């Protein structure tokens, strides 16, 4: 499943759309950025409420393909600019992390 397919299936808005629409390799849910650095998988999605530039920096370090920001958190322009510069997709949803994690898990498992 590609990033755009996942966004459509989740009903998430693509707010930073300048990225390679690659298949997602998995997902990781966390708001603790050091945890993301230690455990997120290359080419996966990060599900979080952390909406700031540092989230993009961490995503870049571990080669995250997409950041899914939950709970309709406001997205600062510098975060979106950094994501655009790095080619990382940023999706926005009103749903919480638990719901998004469950949905994306099912989608990536083919269910």
Protein backbone atom coordinates (compact mmCIF):
# COMPACT_ATOMS: atom_id res chain seq x y z
CA UNK A 1 0.00 0.00 0.00
CA UNK A 2 1.41 3.36 -1.02
CA UNK A 3 1.32 6.51 1.07
CA UNK A 4 -1.46 8.05 -1.04
CA UNK A 5 -3.50 4.84 -0.86
CA UNK A 6 -3.08 4.76 2.91
CA UNK A 7 -4.11 8.41 3.22
CA UNK A 8 -7.25 7.78 1.18
CA UNK A 9 -8.13 4.64 3.16
CA UNK A 10 -7.62 6.48 6.46
CA UNK A 11 -9.56 9.52 5.29
CA UNK A 12 -6.51 11.62 6.15
CA UNK A 13 -5.66 14.89 4.46
CA UNK A 14 -2.31 15.09 2.67
CA UNK A 15 -0.97 18.47 3.80
CA UNK A 16 2.56 18.04 2.43
CA UNK A 17 2.28 16.30 -0.90
CA UNK A 18 5.75 16.63 -2.41
CA UNK A 19 7.05 13.11 -1.81
CA UNK A 20 7.70 9.83 -3.60
CA UNK A 21 4.54 7.74 -3.32
CA UNK A 22 6.37 4.62 -2.18
CA UNK A 23 4.86 1.56 -0.51
CA UNK A 24 4.80 1.80 3.29
CA UNK A 25 6.90 -0.85 5.02
CA UNK A 26 5.08 -0.53 8.34
CA UNK A 27 4.22 2.05 10.95
CA UNK A 28 5.26 3.15 14.41
CA UNK A 29 3.22 5.08 16.96
CA UNK A 30 4.99 7.27 19.48
CA UNK A 31 5.23 10.83 20.76
CA UNK A 32 8.65 10.35 22.32
CA UNK A 33 11.08 11.22 19.56
CA UNK A 34 13.99 9.32 21.09
CA UNK A 35 11.75 6.24 21.06
CA UNK A 36 11.05 6.82 17.38
CA UNK A 37 14.78 7.04 16.66
CA UNK A 38 15.36 3.72 18.42
CA UNK A 39 12.42 1.73 17.08
CA UNK A 40 10.81 3.09 13.91
CA UNK A 41 11.35 1.17 10.69
CA UNK A 42 12.87 2.44 7.49
CA UNK A 43 10.20 3.45 4.96
CA UNK A 44 7.36 3.35 7.45
CA UNK A 45 4.85 5.85 8.75
CA UNK A 46 5.10 7.67 12.07
CA UNK A 47 1.77 8.11 13.87
CA UNK A 48 2.02 10.94 16.40
CA UNK A 49 0.63 14.15 17.84
CA UNK A 50 4.05 15.80 17.74
CA UNK A 51 3.50 18.57 15.20
CA UNK A 52 6.77 20.47 15.01
CA UNK A 53 9.96 20.70 13.00
CA UNK A 54 11.86 18.27 15.27
CA UNK A 55 9.45 15.50 14.27
CA UNK A 56 10.63 15.90 10.69
CA UNK A 57 14.28 15.87 11.78
CA UNK A 58 13.78 12.57 13.59
CA UNK A 59 11.80 11.13 10.68
CA UNK A 60 14.71 12.01 8.41
CA UNK A 61 17.20 10.26 10.69
CA UNK A 62 15.33 6.95 10.52
CA UNK A 63 14.07 7.33 6.94
CA UNK A 64 10.36 7.62 7.79
CA UNK A 65 8.30 8.01 4.60
CA UNK A 66 5.22 9.65 6.12
CA UNK A 67 4.19 11.42 9.30
CA UNK A 68 0.54 11.03 10.31
CA UNK A 69 -0.42 13.78 12.75
CA UNK A 70 -3.51 12.91 14.78
CA UNK A 71 -6.19 14.82 16.69
CA UNK A 72 -6.25 17.61 14.07
CA UNK A 73 -3.20 19.22 15.62
CA UNK A 74 -2.22 22.53 14.02
CA UNK A 75 0.76 22.12 11.72
CA UNK A 76 3.32 24.93 11.82
CA UNK A 77 4.65 26.20 8.48
CA UNK A 78 8.27 25.41 9.40
CA UNK A 79 7.33 21.75 9.94
CA UNK A 80 5.70 21.52 6.52
CA UNK A 81 8.62 23.32 4.88
CA UNK A 82 11.11 20.92 6.48
CA UNK A 83 9.02 17.92 5.39
CA UNK A 84 8.84 19.28 1.83
CA UNK A 85 12.62 19.79 1.80
CA UNK A 86 13.13 16.18 2.95
CA UNK A 87 10.44 14.64 0.73
CA UNK A 88 8.44 13.32 3.70
CA UNK A 89 4.67 13.12 3.37
CA UNK A 90 2.63 14.76 6.13
CA UNK A 91 -0.92 13.57 6.69
CA UNK A 92 -3.47 15.08 9.05
CA UNK A 93 -6.41 13.33 10.66
CA UNK A 94 -8.95 14.16 13.34
CA UNK A 95 -8.78 10.63 14.70
CA UNK A 96 -6.66 9.65 17.69
CA UNK A 97 -3.48 7.60 17.57
CA UNK A 98 -5.11 4.40 18.79
CA UNK A 99 -7.70 4.46 16.02
CA UNK A 100 -5.23 5.39 13.28
CA UNK A 101 -2.77 2.73 14.46
CA UNK A 102 -5.43 0.04 14.38
CA UNK A 103 -6.70 1.06 10.96
CA UNK A 104 -3.24 1.29 9.43
CA UNK A 105 -2.21 -2.03 10.94
CA UNK A 106 -5.21 -3.68 9.30
CA UNK A 107 -4.52 -2.01 5.97
CA UNK A 108 -0.87 -3.02 5.95
CA UNK A 109 -1.76 -6.59 6.89
CA UNK A 110 -4.06 -6.77 3.88
CA UNK A 111 -7.26 -6.75 5.92
